[in-house]
Amino acid sequence: MKRKSKILVISVPLMVILFGAVLYQYGYLRVRSELAAREDAADVKLKTLKKYMTLIADKPRLEKKLAAQRETRKAENSKMIEGQTPSAAAAALQGAVKEMITSRGGIISSERVEKPEEAGKFKIITVTIDAVLPDTRALNDTLYAIETQTPHLVVRDLDSRIRNFKEPRDLTVKLKVSGLTGGS
């Protein structure tokens, strides 16, 4: 019985030590790792919350910047010929040039719309107009009005001739005017 009691005396503390090691390994270390994972998750959430708070605090500045960008875009769009399609933009261009010529005493003999040209995101609309102008002053005023138009227009080609050499008053003018429109 002494022998059994000696084994018992050695095995019980050994079992307690092993049980303590198992408890440490699978209990304490697991709880500690879960706690560290939760702290890391809380840190990440806190950082995300701080980012959102700075974005929310920055919202008025971003709205002002967006409004300024919209105004800039609106101002830039005013420099182009308006129209849903290239055909509508060409008609608007043709009407504007016709108005400039006829308001200065000119008479339109013919008008043509050329095929739109690609220019990246935009299209270049070109109109060719044959007109008769009363004198060179009317031609000068017409060209000035075309070049200083708010939707920017460009005279790409100009051919002017005297209609009657014996009475050099009327001019026969062929204008090729282009403008930029959005690419639809």
C-alpha atoms as a PDB file:
ATOM      1  CA  MET A   1       0.000   0.000   0.000  1.00  0.00           C
ATOM      2  CA  LYS A   2       2.930   2.184   0.494  1.00  0.00           C
ATOM      3  CA  ARG A   3       3.773   1.791  -3.089  1.00  0.00           C
ATOM      4  CA  LYS A   4       0.293   2.800  -4.193  1.00  0.00           C
ATOM      5  CA  SER A   5       0.381   5.771  -1.956  1.00  0.00           C
ATOM      6  CA  LYS A   6       3.749   6.854  -3.358  1.00  0.00           C
ATOM      7  CA  ILE A   7       2.383   6.711  -6.919  1.00  0.00           C
ATOM      8  CA  LEU A   8      -0.660   8.615  -5.795  1.00  0.00           C
ATOM      9  CA  VAL A   9       1.471  11.268  -4.147  1.00  0.00           C
ATOM     10  CA  ILE A  10       3.491  11.729  -7.343  1.00  0.00           C
ATOM     11  CA  SER A  11       0.623  11.391  -9.817  1.00  0.00           C
ATOM     12  CA  VAL A  12      -1.796  13.832  -8.145  1.00  0.00           C
ATOM     13  CA  PRO A  13       0.588  16.819  -8.254  1.00  0.00           C
ATOM     14  CA  LEU A  14       1.623  15.804 -11.771  1.00  0.00           C
ATOM     15  CA  MET A  15      -2.029  15.675 -12.801  1.00  0.00           C
ATOM     16  CA  VAL A  16      -2.612  19.063 -11.191  1.00  0.00           C
ATOM     17  CA  ILE A  17       0.375  20.493 -13.066  1.00  0.00           C
ATOM     18  CA  LEU A  18      -0.821  18.971 -16.391  1.00  0.00           C
ATOM     19  CA  PHE A  19      -4.362  20.163 -15.742  1.00  0.00           C
ATOM     20  CA  GLY A  20      -2.981  23.642 -15.028  1.00  0.00           C
ATOM     21  CA  ALA A  21      -0.953  23.548 -18.270  1.00  0.00           C
ATOM     22  CA  VAL A  22      -4.006  22.494 -20.293  1.00  0.00           C
ATOM     23  CA  LEU A  23      -6.117  25.143 -18.606  1.00  0.00           C
ATOM     24  CA  TYR A  24      -3.424  27.749 -19.342  1.00  0.00           C
ATOM     25  CA  GLN A  25      -3.027  26.648 -22.962  1.00  0.00           C
ATOM     26  CA  TYR A  26      -6.681  26.264 -23.920  1.00  0.00           C
ATOM     27  CA  GLY A  27      -8.301  28.637 -21.469  1.00  0.00           C
ATOM     28  CA  TYR A  28      -6.173  31.615 -20.571  1.00  0.00           C
ATOM     29  CA  LEU A  29      -4.273  31.963 -23.885  1.00  0.00           C
ATOM     30  CA  ARG A  30      -7.464  31.566 -25.961  1.00  0.00           C
ATOM     31  CA  VAL A  31      -9.288  34.187 -23.885  1.00  0.00           C
ATOM     32  CA  ARG A  32      -6.275  36.490 -24.152  1.00  0.00           C
ATOM     33  CA  SER A  33      -6.103  36.096 -27.956  1.00  0.00           C
ATOM     34  CA  GLU A  34      -9.855  36.743 -28.305  1.00  0.00           C
ATOM     35  CA  LEU A  35      -9.502  39.815 -26.119  1.00  0.00           C
ATOM     36  CA  ALA A  36      -6.607  41.078 -28.273  1.00  0.00           C
ATOM     37  CA  ALA A  37      -8.663  40.443 -31.439  1.00  0.00           C
ATOM     38  CA  ARG A  38     -11.584  42.400 -29.996  1.00  0.00           C
ATOM     39  CA  GLU A  39      -9.279  45.275 -29.027  1.00  0.00           C
ATOM     40  CA  ASP A  40      -7.846  45.323 -32.565  1.00  0.00           C
ATOM     41  CA  ALA A  41     -11.372  45.332 -34.024  1.00  0.00           C
ATOM     42  CA  ALA A  42     -12.315  48.174 -31.684  1.00  0.00           C
ATOM     43  CA  ASP A  43      -9.223  50.126 -32.778  1.00  0.00           C
ATOM     44  CA  VAL A  44     -10.082  49.615 -36.451  1.00  0.00           C
ATOM     45  CA  LYS A  45     -13.674  50.706 -35.839  1.00  0.00           C
ATOM     46  CA  LEU A  46     -12.464  53.747 -33.930  1.00  0.00           C
ATOM     47  CA  LYS A  47     -10.135  54.739 -36.774  1.00  0.00           C
ATOM     48  CA  THR A  48     -12.973  54.290 -39.287  1.00  0.00           C
ATOM     49  CA  LEU A  49     -15.273  56.357 -37.089  1.00  0.00           C
ATOM     50  CA  LYS A  50     -12.667  59.143 -36.922  1.00  0.00           C
ATOM     51  CA  LYS A  51     -12.338  59.109 -40.728  1.00  0.00           C
ATOM     52  CA  TYR A  52     -16.102  59.373 -41.117  1.00  0.00           C
ATOM     53  CA  MET A  53     -16.251  62.190 -38.596  1.00  0.00           C
ATOM     54  CA  THR A  54     -13.577  64.156 -40.481  1.00  0.00           C
ATOM     55  CA  LEU A  55     -15.442  63.572 -43.745  1.00  0.00           C
ATOM     56  CA  ILE A  56     -18.693  64.737 -42.196  1.00  0.00           C
ATOM     57  CA  ALA A  57     -16.946  67.788 -40.767  1.00  0.00           C
ATOM     58  CA  ASP A  58     -15.454  68.433 -44.231  1.00  0.00           C
ATOM     59  CA  LYS A  59     -18.847  68.171 -45.970  1.00  0.00           C
ATOM     60  CA  PRO A  60     -19.557  71.955 -46.155  1.00  0.00           C
ATOM     61  CA  ARG A  61     -16.186  72.584 -47.795  1.00  0.00           C
ATOM     62  CA  LEU A  62     -16.798  69.762 -50.278  1.00  0.00           C
ATOM     63  CA  GLU A  63     -20.269  71.126 -51.070  1.00  0.00           C
ATOM     64  CA  LYS A  64     -18.795  74.580 -51.738  1.00  0.00           C
ATOM     65  CA  LYS A  65     -16.151  73.036 -53.972  1.00  0.00           C
ATOM     66  CA  LEU A  66     -18.824  71.060 -55.837  1.00  0.00           C
ATOM     67  CA  ALA A  67     -20.919  74.206 -56.324  1.00  0.00           C
ATOM     68  CA  ALA A  68     -17.870  76.039 -57.679  1.00  0.00           C
ATOM     69  CA  GLN A  69     -17.145  73.138 -60.053  1.00  0.00           C
ATOM     70  CA  ARG A  70     -20.760  73.214 -61.254  1.00  0.00           C
ATOM     71  CA  GLU A  71     -20.498  76.955 -61.902  1.00  0.00           C
ATOM     72  CA  THR A  72     -17.256  76.417 -63.805  1.00  0.00           C
ATOM     73  CA  ARG A  73     -18.875  73.638 -65.829  1.00  0.00           C
ATOM     74  CA  LYS A  74     -21.864  75.873 -66.570  1.00  0.00           C
ATOM     75  CA  ALA A  75     -19.553  78.689 -67.697  1.00  0.00           C
ATOM     76  CA  GLU A  76     -17.596  76.294 -69.924  1.00  0.00           C
ATOM     77  CA  ASN A  77     -20.808  74.872 -71.403  1.00  0.00           C
ATOM     78  CA  SER A  78     -21.925  78.398 -72.306  1.00  0.00           C
ATOM     79  CA  LYS A  79     -18.916  78.563 -74.629  1.00  0.00           C
ATOM     80  CA  MET A  80     -20.248  75.637 -76.671  1.00  0.00           C
ATOM     81  CA  ILE A  81     -23.166  75.475 -79.038  1.00  0.00           C
ATOM     82  CA  GLU A  82     -26.206  73.964 -77.351  1.00  0.00           C
ATOM     83  CA  GLY A  83     -28.028  71.041 -78.904  1.00  0.00           C
ATOM     84  CA  GLN A  84     -29.059  67.523 -77.967  1.00  0.00           C
ATOM     85  CA  THR A  85     -27.723  66.145 -81.246  1.00  0.00           C
ATOM     86  CA  PRO A  86     -25.149  67.397 -83.758  1.00  0.00           C
ATOM     87  CA  SER A  87     -28.026  68.241 -86.124  1.00  0.00           C
ATOM     88  CA  ALA A  88     -29.717  70.450 -83.530  1.00  0.00           C
ATOM     89  CA  ALA A  89     -26.387  72.114 -82.699  1.00  0.00           C
ATOM     90  CA  ALA A  90     -25.757  72.725 -86.421  1.00  0.00           C
ATOM     91  CA  ALA A  91     -29.200  74.285 -86.773  1.00  0.00           C
ATOM     92  CA  ALA A  92     -28.489  76.574 -83.802  1.00  0.00           C
ATOM     93  CA  LEU A  93     -25.127  77.564 -85.303  1.00  0.00           C
ATOM     94  CA  GLN A  94     -26.722  78.177 -88.689  1.00  0.00           C
ATOM     95  CA  GLY A  95     -29.435  80.357 -87.128  1.00  0.00           C
ATOM     96  CA  ALA A  96     -26.927  82.398 -85.146  1.00  0.00           C
ATOM     97  CA  VAL A  97     -24.703  83.096 -88.173  1.00  0.00           C
ATOM     98  CA  LYS A  98     -27.744  83.919 -90.319  1.00  0.00           C
ATOM     99  CA  GLU A  99     -28.923  86.396 -87.703  1.00  0.00           C
ATOM    100  CA  MET A 100     -25.507  88.085 -87.602  1.00  0.00           C
ATOM    101  CA  ILE A 101     -25.392  88.474 -91.376  1.00  0.00           C
ATOM    102  CA  THR A 102     -28.979  89.641 -91.909  1.00  0.00           C
ATOM    103  CA  SER A 103     -28.825  92.123 -88.994  1.00  0.00           C
ATOM    104  CA  ARG A 104     -26.017  93.930 -90.819  1.00  0.00           C
ATOM    105  CA  GLY A 105     -27.919  94.233 -94.090  1.00  0.00           C
ATOM    106  CA  GLY A 106     -26.716  90.988 -95.664  1.00  0.00           C
ATOM    107  CA  ILE A 107     -28.744  88.601 -97.806  1.00  0.00           C
ATOM    108  CA  ILE A 108     -28.238  84.837 -97.525  1.00  0.00           C
ATOM    109  CA  SER A 109     -27.994  83.066-100.906  1.00  0.00           C
ATOM    110  CA  SER A 110     -27.273  79.536 -99.670  1.00  0.00           C
ATOM    111  CA  GLU A 111     -26.351  77.658 -96.547  1.00  0.00           C
ATOM    112  CA  ARG A 112     -24.998  74.179 -95.925  1.00  0.00           C
ATOM    113  CA  VAL A 113     -24.216  72.103 -92.869  1.00  0.00           C
ATOM    114  CA  GLU A 114     -21.032  70.069 -93.133  1.00  0.00           C
ATOM    115  CA  LYS A 115     -20.443  66.681 -91.556  1.00  0.00           C
ATOM    116  CA  PRO A 116     -19.471  66.969 -87.852  1.00  0.00           C
ATOM    117  CA  GLU A 117     -15.833  66.262 -87.014  1.00  0.00           C
ATOM    118  CA  GLU A 118     -14.735  64.290 -83.956  1.00  0.00           C
ATOM    119  CA  ALA A 119     -12.553  66.135 -81.437  1.00  0.00           C
ATOM    120  CA  GLY A 120     -12.193  63.814 -78.465  1.00  0.00           C
ATOM    121  CA  LYS A 121     -15.302  64.094 -76.300  1.00  0.00           C
ATOM    122  CA  PHE A 122     -16.571  66.956 -78.437  1.00  0.00           C
ATOM    123  CA  LYS A 123     -17.735  67.492 -81.995  1.00  0.00           C
ATOM    124  CA  ILE A 124     -16.895  70.344 -84.314  1.00  0.00           C
ATOM    125  CA  ILE A 125     -19.951  71.603 -86.195  1.00  0.00           C
ATOM    126  CA  THR A 126     -19.311  73.540 -89.401  1.00  0.00           C
ATOM    127  CA  VAL A 127     -21.720  75.637 -91.465  1.00  0.00           C
ATOM    128  CA  THR A 128     -20.975  77.151 -94.879  1.00  0.00           C
ATOM    129  CA  ILE A 129     -22.973  80.242 -95.828  1.00  0.00           C
ATOM    130  CA  ASP A 130     -22.969  82.192 -99.092  1.00  0.00           C
ATOM    131  CA  ALA A 131     -24.179  85.756 -98.608  1.00  0.00           C
ATOM    132  CA  VAL A 132     -24.239  89.180-100.211  1.00  0.00           C
ATOM    133  CA  LEU A 133     -23.150  92.043 -97.972  1.00  0.00           C
ATOM    134  CA  PRO A 134     -23.647  95.733 -98.796  1.00  0.00           C
ATOM    135  CA  ASP A 135     -20.053  96.859 -98.141  1.00  0.00           C
ATOM    136  CA  THR A 136     -16.790  96.034 -96.398  1.00  0.00           C
ATOM    137  CA  ARG A 137     -17.939  97.665 -93.162  1.00  0.00           C
ATOM    138  CA  ALA A 138     -20.804  95.167 -92.933  1.00  0.00           C
ATOM    139  CA  LEU A 139     -18.316  92.347 -93.610  1.00  0.00           C
ATOM    140  CA  ASN A 140     -16.015  93.684 -90.875  1.00  0.00           C
ATOM    141  CA  ASP A 141     -18.900  93.963 -88.386  1.00  0.00           C
ATOM    142  CA  THR A 142     -20.135  90.475 -89.258  1.00  0.00           C
ATOM    143  CA  LEU A 143     -16.709  88.908 -88.809  1.00  0.00           C
ATOM    144  CA  TYR A 144     -16.247  90.756 -85.509  1.00  0.00           C
ATOM    145  CA  ALA A 145     -19.653  89.559 -84.274  1.00  0.00           C
ATOM    146  CA  ILE A 146     -18.858  85.946 -85.238  1.00  0.00           C
ATOM    147  CA  GLU A 147     -15.445  85.921 -83.588  1.00  0.00           C
ATOM    148  CA  THR A 148     -16.641  87.576 -80.344  1.00  0.00           C
ATOM    149  CA  GLN A 149     -19.781  85.446 -79.971  1.00  0.00           C
ATOM    150  CA  THR A 150     -20.224  83.887 -76.485  1.00  0.00           C
ATOM    151  CA  PRO A 151     -20.545  80.355 -77.785  1.00  0.00           C
ATOM    152  CA  HIS A 152     -17.093  80.549 -79.337  1.00  0.00           C
ATOM    153  CA  LEU A 153     -17.281  80.463 -83.114  1.00  0.00           C
ATOM    154  CA  VAL A 154     -14.384  80.405 -85.535  1.00  0.00           C
ATOM    155  CA  VAL A 155     -14.305  81.549 -89.160  1.00  0.00           C
ATOM    156  CA  ARG A 156     -12.412  78.709 -90.807  1.00  0.00           C
ATOM    157  CA  ASP A 157     -12.636  79.945 -94.361  1.00  0.00           C
ATOM    158  CA  LEU A 158     -13.507  83.308 -95.903  1.00  0.00           C
ATOM    159  CA  ASP A 159     -13.846  84.134 -99.571  1.00  0.00           C
ATOM    160  CA  SER A 160     -15.063  87.608-100.492  1.00  0.00           C
ATOM    161  CA  ARG A 161     -15.408  89.080-103.939  1.00  0.00           C
ATOM    162  CA  ILE A 162     -16.848  92.217-105.439  1.00  0.00           C
ATOM    163  CA  ARG A 163     -20.202  91.439-107.012  1.00  0.00           C
ATOM    164  CA  ASN A 164     -20.078  94.068-109.766  1.00  0.00           C
ATOM    165  CA  PHE A 165     -16.748  95.592-110.815  1.00  0.00           C
ATOM    166  CA  LYS A 166     -18.388  98.671-112.337  1.00  0.00           C
ATOM    167  CA  GLU A 167     -20.165  99.520-109.084  1.00  0.00           C
ATOM    168  CA  PRO A 168     -17.952  98.028-106.349  1.00  0.00           C
ATOM    169  CA  ARG A 169     -20.373  98.139-103.464  1.00  0.00           C
ATOM    170  CA  ASP A 170     -21.881  94.714-102.865  1.00  0.00           C
ATOM    171  CA  LEU A 171     -19.655  91.858-101.781  1.00  0.00           C
ATOM    172  CA  THR A 172     -20.273  88.183-102.401  1.00  0.00           C
ATOM    173  CA  VAL A 173     -19.006  86.353 -99.348  1.00  0.00           C
ATOM    174  CA  LYS A 174     -18.552  82.669 -98.624  1.00  0.00           C
ATOM    175  CA  LEU A 175     -18.072  81.943 -94.916  1.00  0.00           C
ATOM    176  CA  LYS A 176     -17.197  78.657 -93.292  1.00  0.00           C
ATOM    177  CA  VAL A 177     -17.956  78.972 -89.561  1.00  0.00           C
ATOM    178  CA  SER A 178     -17.288  76.280 -86.938  1.00  0.00           C
ATOM    179  CA  GLY A 179     -18.273  75.810 -83.352  1.00  0.00           C
ATOM    180  CA  LEU A 180     -17.797  73.217 -80.630  1.00  0.00           C
ATOM    181  CA  THR A 181     -20.606  71.092 -79.179  1.00  0.00           C
ATOM    182  CA  GLY A 182     -20.815  68.207 -76.727  1.00  0.00           C
ATOM    183  CA  GLY A 183     -20.345  64.747 -78.206  1.00  0.00           C
ATOM    184  CA  SER A 184     -23.767  63.080 -78.408  1.00  0.00           C
END
